[in-house]
Amino acid sequence: MNTAAGRDNRAYLLAVAARLFAQQGYHATGMADLERATGLGRSSLYHYFRNKEELLFEITTRYLRALVVEGRALLDVPMAPETRLRRFSRVVMRSVADDRDELTVCFREMHAVTGDNRRTLLALHRDYERVWARILSAGAAADVFRDVDTLTVKAVLGMHHYGYLWLRPDGAQTPEAIADAFCDMLLDGLRGWDEPSNPSSPAAG
């Protein structure tokens, strides 16, 4: 088999499977559905993936692996903390836009990944979260951002991954423009502020 054609068929199969899993659910999609949608025979499907769960695993991890690589590369290059934050935010939102089906499948069907594949998937999620934590911590170490905690990291993660709700094919804002808007909000808090007293705390009384 031609190597380039093999890569193209594999990428095509992944894209179609992600769309079907996102639209009708992983368990509701059978190999016959994939045959009809891709035009590939059963033997061709099993040539690229041993079973349906292996296909699901690749869909739920491919975009995460790419984001971890991109984030680590940014951390290896000296740059202003705000610039690094904005660049990674743009990378993430572009991935959300380009890999919308994969992200939907990951949210909805992650529980269907089992065994060693599940452990690998969870480890990738932790690696991705650590990239954000390191980006924020690097800013704090440079005295540009305030110290960050786990809650802040989780909030940043949630903001970006639920950002797909703002993305529309005919929308006025690009993924990069949405990323910039997110960062404008984040930086107002990350640069630090005088914390108001908490009316419910003992000290406030």
C-alpha atoms as a PDB file:
ATOM      1  CA  MET A   1       0.000   0.000   0.000  1.00  0.00           C
ATOM      2  CA  ASN A   2       1.231   3.474  -0.841  1.00  0.00           C
ATOM      3  CA  THR A   3       2.383   5.090   2.418  1.00  0.00           C
ATOM      4  CA  ALA A   4       0.903   8.489   1.603  1.00  0.00           C
ATOM      5  CA  ALA A   5      -2.413   6.911   0.633  1.00  0.00           C
ATOM      6  CA  GLY A   6      -2.361   4.914   3.861  1.00  0.00           C
ATOM      7  CA  ARG A   7      -1.874   8.054   5.904  1.00  0.00           C
ATOM      8  CA  ASP A   8      -4.679   9.787   4.016  1.00  0.00           C
ATOM      9  CA  ASN A   9      -7.078   6.869   4.543  1.00  0.00           C
ATOM     10  CA  ARG A  10      -6.231   6.714   8.241  1.00  0.00           C
ATOM     11  CA  ALA A  11      -6.768  10.459   8.715  1.00  0.00           C
ATOM     12  CA  TYR A  12     -10.015  10.258   6.731  1.00  0.00           C
ATOM     13  CA  LEU A  13     -11.247   7.354   8.831  1.00  0.00           C
ATOM     14  CA  LEU A  14     -10.461   9.244  12.044  1.00  0.00           C
ATOM     15  CA  ALA A  15     -12.303  12.350  10.842  1.00  0.00           C
ATOM     16  CA  VAL A  16     -15.396  10.403   9.775  1.00  0.00           C
ATOM     17  CA  ALA A  17     -15.445   8.316  12.953  1.00  0.00           C
ATOM     18  CA  ALA A  18     -15.126  11.442  15.109  1.00  0.00           C
ATOM     19  CA  ARG A  19     -18.068  13.011  13.287  1.00  0.00           C
ATOM     20  CA  LEU A  20     -20.231   9.903  13.679  1.00  0.00           C
ATOM     21  CA  PHE A  21     -19.302   9.391  17.340  1.00  0.00           C
ATOM     22  CA  ALA A  22     -20.063  13.075  18.035  1.00  0.00           C
ATOM     23  CA  GLN A  23     -23.406  12.975  16.215  1.00  0.00           C
ATOM     24  CA  GLN A  24     -24.860   9.631  17.243  1.00  0.00           C
ATOM     25  CA  GLY A  25     -22.677   8.379  20.082  1.00  0.00           C
ATOM     26  CA  TYR A  26     -19.835   5.890  20.294  1.00  0.00           C
ATOM     27  CA  HIS A  27     -21.918   2.889  21.340  1.00  0.00           C
ATOM     28  CA  ALA A  28     -24.623   3.631  18.760  1.00  0.00           C
ATOM     29  CA  THR A  29     -22.077   3.675  15.928  1.00  0.00           C
ATOM     30  CA  GLY A  30     -21.158   0.282  14.517  1.00  0.00           C
ATOM     31  CA  MET A  31     -18.445  -0.828  12.153  1.00  0.00           C
ATOM     32  CA  ALA A  32     -21.090  -1.097   9.431  1.00  0.00           C
ATOM     33  CA  ASP A  33     -21.828   2.624   9.896  1.00  0.00           C
ATOM     34  CA  LEU A  34     -18.134   3.376   9.461  1.00  0.00           C
ATOM     35  CA  GLU A  35     -17.985   1.212   6.332  1.00  0.00           C
ATOM     36  CA  ARG A  36     -20.899   3.056   4.760  1.00  0.00           C
ATOM     37  CA  ALA A  37     -19.661   6.516   5.742  1.00  0.00           C
ATOM     38  CA  THR A  38     -16.048   5.989   4.652  1.00  0.00           C
ATOM     39  CA  GLY A  39     -16.501   3.659   1.712  1.00  0.00           C
ATOM     40  CA  LEU A  40     -13.778   1.458   3.197  1.00  0.00           C
ATOM     41  CA  GLY A  41     -14.290  -2.274   3.594  1.00  0.00           C
ATOM     42  CA  ARG A  42     -14.218  -4.034   6.950  1.00  0.00           C
ATOM     43  CA  SER A  43     -10.737  -5.436   6.286  1.00  0.00           C
ATOM     44  CA  SER A  44      -9.453  -1.916   5.531  1.00  0.00           C
ATOM     45  CA  LEU A  45     -10.933  -0.578   8.772  1.00  0.00           C
ATOM     46  CA  TYR A  46      -9.222  -3.307  10.776  1.00  0.00           C
ATOM     47  CA  HIS A  47      -5.984  -2.665   8.905  1.00  0.00           C
ATOM     48  CA  TYR A  48      -5.803   0.803  10.474  1.00  0.00           C
ATOM     49  CA  PHE A  49      -7.358   0.017  13.871  1.00  0.00           C
ATOM     50  CA  ARG A  50      -7.711  -3.337  15.600  1.00  0.00           C
ATOM     51  CA  ASN A  51     -11.116  -2.498  17.059  1.00  0.00           C
ATOM     52  CA  LYS A  52     -13.561   0.347  17.630  1.00  0.00           C
ATOM     53  CA  GLU A  53     -12.157   1.261  21.033  1.00  0.00           C
ATOM     54  CA  GLU A  54      -8.683   1.731  19.561  1.00  0.00           C
ATOM     55  CA  LEU A  55     -10.269   4.142  17.101  1.00  0.00           C
ATOM     56  CA  LEU A  56     -11.958   5.981  19.976  1.00  0.00           C
ATOM     57  CA  PHE A  57      -8.664   6.135  21.866  1.00  0.00           C
ATOM     58  CA  GLU A  58      -6.899   7.754  18.920  1.00  0.00           C
ATOM     59  CA  ILE A  59      -9.701  10.299  18.490  1.00  0.00           C
ATOM     60  CA  THR A  60      -9.637  11.294  22.160  1.00  0.00           C
ATOM     61  CA  THR A  61      -5.851  11.574  22.411  1.00  0.00           C
ATOM     62  CA  ARG A  62      -4.643  12.948  19.080  1.00  0.00           C
ATOM     63  CA  TYR A  63      -5.475  16.605  19.733  1.00  0.00           C
ATOM     64  CA  LEU A  64      -4.240  16.370  23.330  1.00  0.00           C
ATOM     65  CA  ARG A  65      -0.844  15.059  22.245  1.00  0.00           C
ATOM     66  CA  ALA A  66      -0.504  17.919  19.767  1.00  0.00           C
ATOM     67  CA  LEU A  67      -1.399  20.526  22.400  1.00  0.00           C
ATOM     68  CA  VAL A  68       1.094  19.129  24.900  1.00  0.00           C
ATOM     69  CA  VAL A  69       3.863  19.255  22.283  1.00  0.00           C
ATOM     70  CA  GLU A  70       2.951  22.837  21.326  1.00  0.00           C
ATOM     71  CA  GLY A  71       2.772  23.967  24.947  1.00  0.00           C
ATOM     72  CA  ARG A  72       6.096  22.408  25.926  1.00  0.00           C
ATOM     73  CA  ALA A  73       7.737  24.003  22.899  1.00  0.00           C
ATOM     74  CA  LEU A  74       6.487  27.425  24.010  1.00  0.00           C
ATOM     75  CA  LEU A  75       7.840  26.806  27.503  1.00  0.00           C
ATOM     76  CA  ASP A  76      11.264  26.016  26.069  1.00  0.00           C
ATOM     77  CA  VAL A  77      11.498  29.389  24.316  1.00  0.00           C
ATOM     78  CA  PRO A  78      12.288  32.532  26.350  1.00  0.00           C
ATOM     79  CA  MET A  79       9.457  35.030  25.997  1.00  0.00           C
ATOM     80  CA  ALA A  80       7.306  37.373  28.039  1.00  0.00           C
ATOM     81  CA  PRO A  81       4.786  35.459  30.205  1.00  0.00           C
ATOM     82  CA  GLU A  82       1.839  37.350  28.704  1.00  0.00           C
ATOM     83  CA  THR A  83       3.019  36.536  25.178  1.00  0.00           C
ATOM     84  CA  ARG A  84       3.354  32.838  26.023  1.00  0.00           C
ATOM     85  CA  LEU A  85      -0.108  32.798  27.582  1.00  0.00           C
ATOM     86  CA  ARG A  86      -1.661  34.440  24.530  1.00  0.00           C
ATOM     87  CA  ARG A  87       0.145  32.180  22.085  1.00  0.00           C
ATOM     88  CA  PHE A  88      -0.900  28.991  23.817  1.00  0.00           C
ATOM     89  CA  SER A  89      -4.445  30.265  24.241  1.00  0.00           C
ATOM     90  CA  ARG A  90      -4.602  30.856  20.487  1.00  0.00           C
ATOM     91  CA  VAL A  91      -3.199  27.386  19.781  1.00  0.00           C
ATOM     92  CA  VAL A  92      -5.814  25.803  22.042  1.00  0.00           C
ATOM     93  CA  MET A  93      -8.740  27.730  20.571  1.00  0.00           C
ATOM     94  CA  ARG A  94      -7.605  26.949  17.032  1.00  0.00           C
ATOM     95  CA  SER A  95      -7.489  23.268  18.009  1.00  0.00           C
ATOM     96  CA  VAL A  96     -10.967  23.525  19.547  1.00  0.00           C
ATOM     97  CA  ALA A  97     -12.223  24.971  16.263  1.00  0.00           C
ATOM     98  CA  ASP A  98     -10.418  22.500  14.015  1.00  0.00           C
ATOM     99  CA  ASP A  99     -10.986  19.418  16.206  1.00  0.00           C
ATOM    100  CA  ARG A 100     -14.511  20.171  17.424  1.00  0.00           C
ATOM    101  CA  ASP A 101     -15.774  16.634  16.818  1.00  0.00           C
ATOM    102  CA  GLU A 102     -12.793  15.116  18.643  1.00  0.00           C
ATOM    103  CA  LEU A 103     -13.340  17.410  21.613  1.00  0.00           C
ATOM    104  CA  THR A 104     -17.048  16.542  21.727  1.00  0.00           C
ATOM    105  CA  VAL A 105     -16.227  12.835  21.658  1.00  0.00           C
ATOM    106  CA  CYS A 106     -13.668  13.268  24.426  1.00  0.00           C
ATOM    107  CA  PHE A 107     -16.189  15.028  26.668  1.00  0.00           C
ATOM    108  CA  ARG A 108     -18.994  12.553  26.042  1.00  0.00           C
ATOM    109  CA  GLU A 109     -17.259   9.223  25.496  1.00  0.00           C
ATOM    110  CA  MET A 110     -14.102   9.309  27.615  1.00  0.00           C
ATOM    111  CA  HIS A 111     -15.687   6.768  29.999  1.00  0.00           C
ATOM    112  CA  ALA A 112     -15.744   4.192  27.172  1.00  0.00           C
ATOM    113  CA  VAL A 113     -11.932   4.085  26.974  1.00  0.00           C
ATOM    114  CA  THR A 114     -10.717   1.247  29.201  1.00  0.00           C
ATOM    115  CA  GLY A 115      -7.607  -0.463  30.539  1.00  0.00           C
ATOM    116  CA  ASP A 116      -4.159   0.774  29.550  1.00  0.00           C
ATOM    117  CA  ASN A 117      -5.693   3.118  26.998  1.00  0.00           C
ATOM    118  CA  ARG A 118      -7.682   4.847  29.718  1.00  0.00           C
ATOM    119  CA  ARG A 119      -4.593   5.234  31.896  1.00  0.00           C
ATOM    120  CA  THR A 120      -2.740   6.762  28.952  1.00  0.00           C
ATOM    121  CA  LEU A 121      -5.645   9.109  28.214  1.00  0.00           C
ATOM    122  CA  LEU A 122      -5.835  10.290  31.825  1.00  0.00           C
ATOM    123  CA  ALA A 123      -2.062  10.798  31.878  1.00  0.00           C
ATOM    124  CA  LEU A 124      -2.344  12.956  28.746  1.00  0.00           C
ATOM    125  CA  HIS A 125      -5.022  15.077  30.413  1.00  0.00           C
ATOM    126  CA  ARG A 126      -2.683  15.567  33.369  1.00  0.00           C
ATOM    127  CA  ASP A 127       0.185  16.481  31.034  1.00  0.00           C
ATOM    128  CA  TYR A 128      -2.019  19.021  29.280  1.00  0.00           C
ATOM    129  CA  GLU A 129      -3.103  20.530  32.603  1.00  0.00           C
ATOM    130  CA  ARG A 130       0.542  20.715  33.704  1.00  0.00           C
ATOM    131  CA  VAL A 131       1.387  22.724  30.581  1.00  0.00           C
ATOM    132  CA  TRP A 132      -1.150  25.373  31.593  1.00  0.00           C
ATOM    133  CA  ALA A 133       0.083  25.235  35.200  1.00  0.00           C
ATOM    134  CA  ARG A 134       3.692  25.728  34.071  1.00  0.00           C
ATOM    135  CA  ILE A 135       2.762  28.641  31.814  1.00  0.00           C
ATOM    136  CA  LEU A 136       0.970  30.375  34.686  1.00  0.00           C
ATOM    137  CA  SER A 137       3.686  29.499  37.212  1.00  0.00           C
ATOM    138  CA  ALA A 138       6.396  30.854  34.905  1.00  0.00           C
ATOM    139  CA  GLY A 139       4.557  34.162  34.910  1.00  0.00           C
ATOM    140  CA  ALA A 140       4.385  34.113  38.706  1.00  0.00           C
ATOM    141  CA  ALA A 141       8.099  33.281  38.949  1.00  0.00           C
ATOM    142  CA  ALA A 142       8.817  36.321  36.778  1.00  0.00           C
ATOM    143  CA  ASP A 143       6.692  38.491  39.128  1.00  0.00           C
ATOM    144  CA  VAL A 144       4.325  39.254  36.260  1.00  0.00           C
ATOM    145  CA  PHE A 145       1.420  37.068  37.452  1.00  0.00           C
ATOM    146  CA  ARG A 146       0.214  36.529  40.974  1.00  0.00           C
ATOM    147  CA  ASP A 147       0.747  33.084  42.468  1.00  0.00           C
ATOM    148  CA  VAL A 148      -1.714  30.602  41.013  1.00  0.00           C
ATOM    149  CA  ASP A 149      -3.434  27.641  42.599  1.00  0.00           C
ATOM    150  CA  THR A 150      -5.188  24.541  41.284  1.00  0.00           C
ATOM    151  CA  LEU A 151      -8.534  26.316  41.118  1.00  0.00           C
ATOM    152  CA  THR A 152      -7.084  28.985  38.823  1.00  0.00           C
ATOM    153  CA  VAL A 153      -5.609  26.353  36.511  1.00  0.00           C
ATOM    154  CA  LYS A 154      -8.920  24.477  36.367  1.00  0.00           C
ATOM    155  CA  ALA A 155     -10.760  27.724  35.594  1.00  0.00           C
ATOM    156  CA  VAL A 156      -8.408  28.474  32.696  1.00  0.00           C
ATOM    157  CA  LEU A 157      -8.870  24.935  31.359  1.00  0.00           C
ATOM    158  CA  GLY A 158     -12.639  25.204  31.548  1.00  0.00           C
ATOM    159  CA  MET A 159     -12.725  28.589  29.889  1.00  0.00           C
ATOM    160  CA  HIS A 160     -10.834  27.314  26.876  1.00  0.00           C
ATOM    161  CA  HIS A 161     -12.437  23.929  26.437  1.00  0.00           C
ATOM    162  CA  TYR A 162     -15.968  25.235  26.742  1.00  0.00           C
ATOM    163  CA  GLY A 163     -14.934  27.946  24.335  1.00  0.00           C
ATOM    164  CA  TYR A 164     -16.313  25.773  21.529  1.00  0.00           C
ATOM    165  CA  LEU A 165     -19.750  27.078  22.556  1.00  0.00           C
ATOM    166  CA  TRP A 166     -18.668  30.459  21.178  1.00  0.00           C
ATOM    167  CA  LEU A 167     -17.451  29.079  17.883  1.00  0.00           C
ATOM    168  CA  ARG A 168     -19.770  29.082  14.890  1.00  0.00           C
ATOM    169  CA  PRO A 169     -18.876  28.358  11.249  1.00  0.00           C
ATOM    170  CA  ASP A 170     -20.439  31.693  10.290  1.00  0.00           C
ATOM    171  CA  GLY A 171     -19.460  33.475  13.499  1.00  0.00           C
ATOM    172  CA  ALA A 172     -18.026  36.966  13.486  1.00  0.00           C
ATOM    173  CA  GLN A 173     -15.122  36.042  15.794  1.00  0.00           C
ATOM    174  CA  THR A 174     -12.221  33.799  14.854  1.00  0.00           C
ATOM    175  CA  PRO A 175     -10.841  31.282  17.363  1.00  0.00           C
ATOM    176  CA  GLU A 176      -7.831  33.574  17.786  1.00  0.00           C
ATOM    177  CA  ALA A 177     -10.052  36.580  18.541  1.00  0.00           C
ATOM    178  CA  ILE A 178     -11.915  34.561  21.177  1.00  0.00           C
ATOM    179  CA  ALA A 179      -8.569  33.470  22.665  1.00  0.00           C
ATOM    180  CA  ASP A 180      -7.476  37.108  22.862  1.00  0.00           C
ATOM    181  CA  ALA A 181     -10.726  38.042  24.614  1.00  0.00           C
ATOM    182  CA  PHE A 182     -10.197  35.220  27.127  1.00  0.00           C
ATOM    183  CA  CYS A 183      -6.637  36.385  27.792  1.00  0.00           C
ATOM    184  CA  ASP A 184      -7.742  39.994  28.282  1.00  0.00           C
ATOM    185  CA  MET A 185     -10.030  38.775  31.068  1.00  0.00           C
ATOM    186  CA  LEU A 186      -7.455  36.392  32.519  1.00  0.00           C
ATOM    187  CA  LEU A 187      -4.656  38.943  32.598  1.00  0.00           C
ATOM    188  CA  ASP A 188      -6.739  41.385  34.589  1.00  0.00           C
ATOM    189  CA  GLY A 189      -6.777  38.797  37.366  1.00  0.00           C
ATOM    190  CA  LEU A 190      -3.343  37.249  36.865  1.00  0.00           C
ATOM    191  CA  ARG A 191      -1.562  40.583  37.157  1.00  0.00           C
ATOM    192  CA  GLY A 192      -2.899  40.775  40.698  1.00  0.00           C
ATOM    193  CA  TRP A 193      -5.261  42.986  42.604  1.00  0.00           C
ATOM    194  CA  ASP A 194      -6.012  44.128  46.151  1.00  0.00           C
ATOM    195  CA  GLU A 195      -8.252  41.416  47.506  1.00  0.00           C
ATOM    196  CA  PRO A 196     -11.466  42.724  49.067  1.00  0.00           C
ATOM    197  CA  SER A 197     -12.344  41.563  52.528  1.00  0.00           C
ATOM    198  CA  ASN A 198     -14.659  38.551  52.671  1.00  0.00           C
ATOM    199  CA  PRO A 199     -17.824  39.535  54.553  1.00  0.00           C
ATOM    200  CA  SER A 200     -18.320  35.930  55.665  1.00  0.00           C
ATOM    201  CA  SER A 201     -14.839  35.549  57.137  1.00  0.00           C
ATOM    202  CA  PRO A 202     -14.207  36.034  60.874  1.00  0.00           C
ATOM    203  CA  ALA A 203     -11.626  38.735  60.129  1.00  0.00           C
ATOM    204  CA  ALA A 204     -14.187  40.790  58.222  1.00  0.00           C
ATOM    205  CA  GLY A 205     -16.297  41.232  61.306  1.00  0.00           C
END
